[in-house]
Amino acid sequence: MKTASSIIIHWTQSFATAAILFFASLTFAGEVFSFQNLRDSTVSGPYRLHKGDKVRLGGITYEVLTPSQGRVSFKSLSNGVVYGPIQAVDGRIGVVGNASYCLRAAADDAAVTPPPQPPANVQSEPFVPQPPAMPTLIEVPEQQKPTLVKPKQLRPLPKSQEVLRFWGWLAPLDNTSVDWKIDSSKSGDGEIERTSIGGDVEWNNWMASVSLSPTVECGDIASGGTGIRGASIEDGTGWSIEAGYRRALLSEGGWTAKAGLRGQIRQESGDLTVLSLIRSEETDTNGVVTAKSERRTQTSSITIRELSLWIDLELAYSEDNWGTFAIVSFQPVSDYNVSSSIHYGEIDLSLDAERPQPLDVTVGGWYGFDRWRLFADLTLASDTRFRIGCGYDF
């Protein structure tokens, strides 16, 4: 059996539910609303929001739907899109179409805007979505086209000299500095002095030279020693042969840079005269020791042969009928061979020679007319040579 309190609670809940539904139906069933556009504040309506009624907002007609009690939805008659649901309460904001609206409650007896009617014999056009507006093009100032830098082409190597050229020359001064050694000890620094005459041939960067030395002399081979008072070479002759290759590496305007390699063999022969002081002691029958000194002059033949390798670097400038040049020569390889010795009494002492410095510097110039050329050059450092001569182009 139910108690009195449970019966009271049951009847109270039922009454509250019925009251809520009654007042909700009263609240919605007779309300009239206007729609205020939140963007431009224009007001549409008022309209009675019953199921199936028509409202017109923003130029578009919508049909009112009531999906639930107290809420409404709006179906566009142009494209069928449903907006909502929106709670039908004064001040509620909702989106319909492309705008936001605020619902404003109106009195039930207010003049209601008649629902819009479609024109007679006019069929509603299907909704055609409009393409988005094209963005405004921003004009970009025309940029200056970059200037393409043309790569610098490498200059080809200058062509080989195909002219066959012959030079004839005379060197009244043709000396070579030599360090002399007697018995492996330095004894003198005399120069080999020559007078030479020769000829050169040049063709296609190749070169060859032959020279003869009718007079060859050398003093100060040995001086100031305790026993050897002096040694010199007299009445000598000699010859020299050179061959090499020298190519132009760069040619700009009248300037030309060359580099080359050449080998040389030189030989001199003559008389080697040695002045020596021989000391001796003699003991007589009485046991007395007597010191004696004897000066002796001895002459023998001598041959000096040199094998060498030279590296030449040349810088030349030329015009049509004249030119000048400078050559720096290094001697990485040099070998002197002396086929003689120093006779000191009954003893033979070895004799050797070598260059003090492996470097030559040559400067010169030429003047030409037709096929002929006159030239002169001067060499200093390891060699001291002055040449004058004449050349002819075949």
Protein backbone atom coordinates (compact mmCIF):
# COMPACT_ATOMS: atom_id res chain seq x y z
CA MET A 1 0.00 0.00 0.00
CA LYS A 2 1.35 3.39 -0.99
CA THR A 3 1.91 5.86 1.74
CA ALA A 4 0.41 9.30 1.70
CA SER A 5 3.79 10.99 1.16
CA SER A 6 4.62 9.00 -1.99
CA ILE A 7 1.22 9.77 -3.45
CA ILE A 8 1.75 13.49 -2.81
CA ILE A 9 5.22 13.47 -4.51
CA HIS A 10 3.87 11.63 -7.56
CA TRP A 11 1.01 14.07 -8.08
CA THR A 12 3.36 17.03 -7.56
CA GLN A 13 5.81 15.88 -10.35
CA SER A 14 2.96 15.19 -12.78
CA PHE A 15 1.47 18.61 -12.18
CA ALA A 16 4.85 20.36 -12.71
CA THR A 17 5.47 18.57 -16.03
CA ALA A 18 2.02 19.40 -17.32
CA ALA A 19 2.42 23.03 -16.31
CA ILE A 20 5.76 23.35 -18.14
CA LEU A 21 4.39 21.87 -21.34
CA PHE A 22 1.30 24.06 -21.14
CA PHE A 23 3.18 27.31 -20.63
CA ALA A 24 5.77 26.36 -23.31
CA SER A 25 3.02 25.75 -25.80
CA LEU A 26 1.40 29.02 -24.89
CA THR A 27 4.71 30.82 -25.11
CA PHE A 28 5.52 29.60 -28.64
CA ALA A 29 2.13 29.13 -30.16
CA GLY A 30 1.14 32.75 -30.25
CA GLU A 31 4.40 34.67 -30.40
CA VAL A 32 5.29 37.01 -33.24
CA PHE A 33 8.88 37.92 -33.96
CA SER A 34 10.79 40.49 -35.98
CA PHE A 35 14.29 39.87 -37.35
CA GLN A 36 16.94 42.59 -36.90
CA ASN A 37 20.05 42.31 -39.10
CA LEU A 38 23.08 42.73 -36.87
CA ARG A 39 25.21 44.16 -39.67
CA ASP A 40 23.04 47.03 -40.97
CA SER A 41 20.28 47.05 -38.25
CA THR A 42 17.50 46.62 -40.81
CA VAL A 43 14.35 44.97 -39.43
CA SER A 44 12.27 42.38 -41.32
CA GLY A 45 8.79 41.37 -40.16
CA PRO A 46 7.10 40.86 -37.84
CA TYR A 47 6.29 37.30 -38.84
CA ARG A 48 4.24 34.65 -37.06
CA LEU A 49 6.42 31.61 -36.70
CA HIS A 50 4.06 28.72 -37.42
CA LYS A 51 5.10 25.60 -39.20
CA GLY A 52 4.80 26.15 -42.92
CA ASP A 53 4.78 29.96 -42.72
CA LYS A 54 7.01 31.97 -45.00
CA VAL A 55 9.43 34.72 -44.02
CA ARG A 56 11.62 36.89 -46.26
CA LEU A 57 15.09 37.83 -45.01
CA GLY A 58 17.76 39.55 -47.09
CA GLY A 59 15.73 39.14 -50.28
CA ILE A 60 15.40 35.34 -49.86
CA THR A 61 12.23 33.48 -48.90
CA TYR A 62 12.44 30.82 -46.17
CA GLU A 63 9.88 28.25 -44.94
CA VAL A 64 9.44 27.94 -41.15
CA LEU A 65 10.09 24.50 -39.66
CA THR A 66 9.49 23.44 -36.04
CA PRO A 67 11.79 20.50 -35.32
CA SER A 68 11.08 20.72 -31.57
CA GLN A 69 8.91 22.62 -29.12
CA GLY A 70 10.20 26.17 -28.62
CA ARG A 71 12.68 26.02 -31.54
CA VAL A 72 12.39 26.96 -35.18
CA SER A 73 14.38 26.30 -38.34
CA PHE A 74 14.34 28.05 -41.71
CA LYS A 75 14.53 26.29 -45.08
CA SER A 76 15.65 28.33 -48.07
CA LEU A 77 13.25 27.94 -50.96
CA SER A 78 16.00 28.78 -53.46
CA ASN A 79 18.58 26.14 -52.60
CA GLY A 80 16.91 23.95 -49.94
CA VAL A 81 19.49 24.70 -47.21
CA VAL A 82 18.08 24.52 -43.66
CA TYR A 83 19.36 27.02 -41.06
CA GLY A 84 18.80 26.49 -37.35
CA PRO A 85 17.28 25.39 -35.08
CA ILE A 86 17.06 28.70 -33.24
CA GLN A 87 15.34 29.04 -29.86
CA ALA A 88 12.30 31.33 -30.30
CA VAL A 89 13.11 33.64 -27.40
CA ASP A 90 13.31 37.43 -27.40
CA GLY A 91 16.90 38.54 -27.91
CA ARG A 92 18.14 35.19 -29.25
CA ILE A 93 20.70 35.49 -32.11
CA GLY A 94 20.87 33.07 -35.01
CA VAL A 95 22.31 32.76 -38.47
CA VAL A 96 19.97 32.59 -41.45
CA GLY A 97 21.45 32.64 -44.91
CA ASN A 98 24.56 34.83 -44.98
CA ALA A 99 23.59 37.13 -42.14
CA SER A 100 23.12 37.09 -38.37
CA TYR A 101 19.74 38.16 -36.96
CA CYS A 102 18.43 39.02 -33.52
CA LEU A 103 14.87 37.85 -32.75
CA ARG A 104 12.65 40.59 -31.34
CA ALA A 105 9.32 39.47 -29.80
CA ALA A 106 6.22 41.42 -30.90
CA ALA A 107 2.71 41.54 -29.42
CA ASP A 108 0.30 38.90 -30.61
CA ASP A 109 -2.06 41.57 -31.94
CA ALA A 110 0.68 43.40 -33.84
CA ALA A 111 0.25 43.87 -37.55
CA VAL A 112 1.85 40.82 -39.00
CA THR A 113 3.65 41.10 -42.32
CA PRO A 114 1.88 38.84 -44.77
CA PRO A 115 3.98 35.93 -45.90
CA PRO A 116 5.67 36.49 -49.25
CA GLN A 117 4.03 34.92 -52.28
CA PRO A 118 5.95 33.80 -55.33
CA PRO A 119 5.02 35.62 -58.55
CA ALA A 120 2.46 33.91 -60.73
CA ASN A 121 3.76 31.66 -63.50
CA VAL A 122 7.30 32.19 -62.33
CA GLN A 123 9.37 29.19 -61.56
CA SER A 124 12.07 29.57 -58.98
CA GLU A 125 15.49 29.40 -60.54
CA PRO A 126 17.85 26.76 -59.20
CA PHE A 127 20.56 28.04 -56.97
CA VAL A 128 23.74 28.63 -58.82
CA PRO A 129 26.72 29.25 -56.56
CA GLN A 130 28.61 32.37 -57.53
CA PRO A 131 32.32 32.05 -57.98
CA PRO A 132 34.38 33.87 -55.43
CA ALA A 133 35.46 37.33 -56.33
CA MET A 134 38.79 37.52 -58.03
CA PRO A 135 41.46 39.01 -55.84
CA THR A 136 42.77 42.40 -56.81
CA LEU A 137 45.99 42.07 -58.71
CA ILE A 138 48.88 44.02 -57.28
CA GLU A 139 51.03 45.52 -59.96
CA VAL A 140 54.65 44.63 -59.45
CA PRO A 141 57.05 47.13 -60.95
CA GLU A 142 59.02 45.71 -63.79
CA GLN A 143 62.46 44.75 -62.66
CA GLN A 144 65.46 45.46 -64.73
CA LYS A 145 66.72 42.35 -66.39
CA PRO A 146 70.07 41.28 -64.96
CA THR A 147 73.01 41.74 -67.23
CA LEU A 148 74.59 38.43 -68.00
CA VAL A 149 78.34 38.51 -67.64
CA LYS A 150 79.94 36.74 -70.50
CA PRO A 151 82.58 34.36 -69.19
CA LYS A 152 86.05 35.34 -70.15
CA GLN A 153 87.48 32.95 -72.64
CA LEU A 154 90.92 31.60 -72.01
CA ARG A 155 93.44 32.82 -74.48
CA PRO A 156 94.88 30.09 -76.63
CA LEU A 157 98.60 29.57 -76.47
CA PRO A 158 100.47 31.65 -79.04
CA LYS A 159 101.27 29.82 -82.21
CA SER A 160 104.70 28.39 -82.68
CA GLN A 161 107.25 30.36 -84.64
CA GLU A 162 107.43 28.58 -87.96
CA VAL A 163 110.07 30.90 -89.45
CA LEU A 164 113.56 29.42 -89.70
CA ARG A 165 115.90 32.02 -88.23
CA PHE A 166 119.71 31.96 -88.17
CA TRP A 167 121.87 34.10 -85.89
CA GLY A 168 125.57 34.73 -86.20
CA TRP A 169 127.36 36.44 -83.31
CA LEU A 170 130.67 37.44 -81.77
CA ALA A 171 131.34 37.50 -78.02
CA PRO A 172 134.55 39.44 -77.29
CA LEU A 173 133.81 38.90 -73.60
CA ASP A 174 132.73 35.38 -72.57
CA ASN A 175 133.81 34.54 -69.03
CA THR A 176 132.66 31.94 -66.48
CA SER A 177 133.21 32.18 -62.73
CA VAL A 178 134.74 29.00 -61.25
CA ASP A 179 135.72 27.92 -57.76
CA TRP A 180 138.91 25.83 -57.93
CA LYS A 181 139.87 23.17 -55.43
CA ILE A 182 143.26 21.52 -54.98
CA ASP A 183 143.20 18.29 -53.03
CA SER A 184 139.51 19.01 -52.06
CA SER A 185 140.42 22.39 -50.52
CA LYS A 186 139.49 25.69 -52.11
CA SER A 187 142.53 27.22 -53.69
CA GLY A 188 141.27 30.03 -55.95
CA ASP A 189 138.33 31.66 -57.69
CA GLY A 190 139.72 32.41 -61.10
CA GLU A 191 137.50 33.01 -64.16
CA ILE A 192 137.74 31.11 -67.37
CA GLU A 193 138.15 33.88 -69.96
CA ARG A 194 137.22 33.32 -73.58
CA THR A 195 136.62 35.06 -76.87
CA SER A 196 133.90 33.21 -78.72
CA ILE A 197 132.17 33.18 -82.07
CA GLY A 198 129.02 31.21 -82.75
CA GLY A 199 125.73 30.68 -84.52
CA ASP A 200 122.16 29.94 -83.39
CA VAL A 201 119.23 28.35 -85.21
CA GLU A 202 115.57 28.77 -84.18
CA TRP A 203 112.54 27.01 -85.65
CA ASN A 204 109.12 26.08 -84.28
CA ASN A 205 110.22 26.81 -80.68
CA TRP A 206 113.29 24.60 -81.01
CA MET A 207 116.72 26.11 -80.74
CA ALA A 208 120.34 25.03 -81.17
CA SER A 209 123.63 26.86 -80.73
CA VAL A 210 127.25 26.11 -81.59
CA SER A 211 130.22 28.25 -80.58
CA LEU A 212 133.99 28.12 -80.82
CA SER A 213 136.46 29.79 -78.46
CA PRO A 214 139.82 30.35 -80.17
CA THR A 215 141.36 31.77 -76.99
CA VAL A 216 140.85 30.38 -73.48
CA GLU A 217 142.75 31.48 -70.39
CA CYS A 218 142.34 31.18 -66.64
CA GLY A 219 144.45 32.57 -63.82
CA ASP A 220 144.29 32.38 -60.03
CA ILE A 221 143.69 28.63 -59.94
CA ALA A 222 146.01 28.49 -56.96
CA SER A 223 147.56 31.42 -55.18
CA GLY A 224 148.95 32.10 -51.73
CA GLY A 225 149.61 28.49 -50.80
CA THR A 226 152.64 27.40 -48.83
CA GLY A 227 153.88 25.11 -51.59
CA ILE A 228 151.88 26.01 -54.71
CA ARG A 229 152.77 29.56 -55.65
CA GLY A 230 150.49 29.77 -58.67
CA ALA A 231 148.60 27.84 -61.37
CA SER A 232 147.02 29.04 -64.59
CA ILE A 233 145.69 27.86 -67.93
CA GLU A 234 147.21 29.33 -71.08
CA ASP A 235 146.99 28.87 -74.82
CA GLY A 236 143.61 27.15 -74.59
CA THR A 237 140.76 26.63 -77.02
CA GLY A 238 137.21 25.46 -76.54
CA TRP A 239 133.78 24.76 -77.98
CA SER A 240 130.19 24.63 -76.79
CA ILE A 241 126.97 23.02 -78.03
CA GLU A 242 123.49 23.86 -76.77
CA ALA A 243 120.02 22.55 -77.67
CA GLY A 244 116.61 23.19 -76.14
CA TYR A 245 112.95 24.06 -76.46
CA ARG A 246 111.39 27.40 -75.54
CA ARG A 247 107.63 28.04 -75.97
CA ALA A 248 105.51 31.18 -75.69
CA LEU A 249 103.03 30.86 -72.79
CA LEU A 250 101.29 34.23 -73.06
CA SER A 251 101.09 36.92 -75.72
CA GLU A 252 99.26 40.21 -75.13
CA GLY A 253 99.77 43.24 -77.28
CA GLY A 254 103.46 43.38 -77.98
CA TRP A 255 104.40 41.39 -74.84
CA THR A 256 105.34 37.72 -74.91
CA ALA A 257 106.25 35.42 -72.01
CA LYS A 258 108.22 32.27 -72.72
CA ALA A 259 109.64 29.35 -70.79
CA GLY A 260 112.01 26.65 -71.89
CA LEU A 261 114.61 24.03 -71.11
CA ARG A 262 118.03 23.58 -72.70
CA GLY A 263 121.08 21.41 -72.23
CA GLN A 264 124.69 22.46 -72.74
CA ILE A 265 128.02 20.76 -73.12
CA ARG A 266 131.19 22.86 -73.03
CA GLN A 267 134.80 21.85 -73.25
CA GLU A 268 138.11 23.74 -72.98
CA SER A 269 141.64 22.44 -73.41
CA GLY A 270 144.95 24.17 -72.77
CA ASP A 271 148.27 24.14 -70.95
CA LEU A 272 148.26 24.06 -67.15
CA THR A 273 151.30 25.82 -65.75
CA VAL A 274 152.06 25.29 -62.05
CA LEU A 275 154.67 27.30 -60.10
CA SER A 276 155.69 25.52 -56.89
CA LEU A 277 158.30 25.98 -54.16
CA ILE A 278 160.01 22.71 -53.20
CA ARG A 279 161.80 22.64 -49.85
CA SER A 280 164.36 19.98 -48.98
CA GLU A 281 167.16 19.29 -46.45
CA GLU A 282 170.69 17.98 -47.02
CA THR A 283 173.09 16.60 -44.43
CA ASP A 284 176.87 16.75 -45.10
CA THR A 285 179.54 14.38 -43.81
CA ASN A 286 179.94 16.38 -40.63
CA GLY A 287 176.23 15.96 -39.80
CA VAL A 288 175.34 19.54 -40.63
CA VAL A 289 171.77 19.88 -41.98
CA THR A 290 171.23 22.45 -44.72
CA ALA A 291 167.72 23.59 -45.81
CA LYS A 292 167.21 24.22 -49.50
CA SER A 293 164.36 25.75 -51.49
CA GLU A 294 163.81 25.12 -55.15
CA ARG A 295 161.32 26.88 -57.44
CA ARG A 296 159.88 24.66 -60.11
CA THR A 297 157.62 25.42 -63.04
CA GLN A 298 155.75 22.48 -64.45
CA THR A 299 153.49 22.44 -67.50
CA SER A 300 150.93 19.79 -68.40
CA SER A 301 147.85 19.55 -70.56
CA ILE A 302 144.40 20.08 -69.04
CA THR A 303 140.85 19.47 -70.30
CA ILE A 304 137.76 20.90 -68.60
CA ARG A 305 134.34 19.55 -69.55
CA GLU A 306 131.03 20.87 -68.20
CA LEU A 307 127.59 19.26 -68.61
CA SER A 308 124.68 21.45 -67.49
CA LEU A 309 120.91 21.83 -67.69
CA TRP A 310 119.27 25.28 -67.81
CA ILE A 311 115.71 26.51 -67.21
CA ASP A 312 114.98 29.74 -69.11
CA LEU A 313 112.23 32.29 -68.36
CA GLU A 314 111.92 35.06 -70.95
CA LEU A 315 109.86 38.24 -71.15
CA ALA A 316 109.99 40.10 -74.47
CA TYR A 317 108.39 43.17 -76.03
CA SER A 318 108.45 43.80 -79.75
CA GLU A 319 107.14 46.18 -82.40
CA ASP A 320 107.32 45.86 -86.17
CA ASN A 321 111.03 46.58 -86.51
CA TRP A 322 112.48 46.52 -82.99
CA GLY A 323 112.23 44.66 -79.71
CA THR A 324 113.78 44.06 -76.31
CA PHE A 325 113.98 41.03 -74.03
CA ALA A 326 115.11 39.81 -70.60
CA ILE A 327 115.97 36.20 -69.73
CA VAL A 328 116.51 34.65 -66.30
CA SER A 329 118.28 31.26 -66.41
CA PHE A 330 118.60 28.73 -63.59
CA GLN A 331 121.02 25.83 -63.62
CA PRO A 332 119.62 22.95 -61.54
CA VAL A 333 122.23 20.49 -62.85
CA SER A 334 125.94 21.14 -63.41
CA ASP A 335 128.86 18.76 -63.56
CA TYR A 336 132.51 19.83 -64.00
CA ASN A 337 135.13 17.26 -64.95
CA VAL A 338 138.81 18.29 -64.85
CA SER A 339 141.19 15.79 -66.46
CA SER A 340 144.45 17.00 -64.92
CA SER A 341 146.23 17.30 -61.61
CA ILE A 342 148.74 19.56 -59.86
CA HIS A 343 152.30 18.23 -59.77
CA TYR A 344 154.01 19.17 -56.53
CA GLY A 345 157.40 17.62 -56.40
CA GLU A 346 156.86 13.92 -56.56
CA ILE A 347 153.20 14.22 -55.50
CA ASP A 348 150.15 14.67 -57.73
CA LEU A 349 147.32 16.68 -56.14
CA SER A 350 143.74 16.46 -57.45
CA LEU A 351 142.25 19.51 -59.19
CA ASP A 352 138.45 20.15 -59.25
CA ALA A 353 136.15 23.00 -60.29
CA GLU A 354 132.53 24.08 -59.80
CA ARG A 355 130.29 27.11 -60.45
CA PRO A 356 129.81 29.40 -57.43
CA GLN A 357 126.19 30.26 -58.34
CA PRO A 358 123.79 28.59 -60.82
CA LEU A 359 122.16 31.76 -62.18
CA ASP A 360 122.39 33.97 -65.26
CA VAL A 361 120.52 37.17 -66.15
CA THR A 362 120.48 38.38 -69.76
CA VAL A 363 119.11 41.63 -71.20
CA GLY A 364 119.23 42.72 -74.81
CA GLY A 365 117.49 44.18 -77.83
CA TRP A 366 117.26 43.99 -81.61
CA TYR A 367 116.51 46.14 -84.61
CA GLY A 368 115.18 44.69 -87.84
CA PHE A 369 114.71 45.65 -91.48
CA ASP A 370 113.33 43.40 -94.18
CA ARG A 371 114.52 39.88 -93.18
CA TRP A 372 117.59 41.04 -91.27
CA ARG A 373 118.01 41.71 -87.57
CA LEU A 374 120.84 43.28 -85.62
CA PHE A 375 121.07 42.44 -81.94
CA ALA A 376 123.17 42.83 -78.81
CA ASP A 377 122.83 41.31 -75.33
CA LEU A 378 124.64 41.28 -71.99
CA THR A 379 124.73 38.40 -69.49
CA LEU A 380 125.74 38.81 -65.84
CA ALA A 381 126.01 36.60 -62.73
CA SER A 382 127.58 33.15 -63.13
CA ASP A 383 128.61 34.04 -66.70
CA THR A 384 129.78 37.42 -67.92
CA ARG A 385 129.17 37.66 -71.64
CA PHE A 386 128.63 40.41 -74.18
CA ARG A 387 127.46 39.49 -77.68
CA ILE A 388 126.74 41.37 -80.86
CA GLY A 389 125.43 39.76 -84.00
CA CYS A 390 123.06 39.60 -86.94
CA GLY A 391 120.09 37.37 -87.76
CA TYR A 392 118.28 36.40 -90.94
CA ASP A 393 114.81 34.90 -91.45
CA PHE A 394 114.61 32.25 -94.14
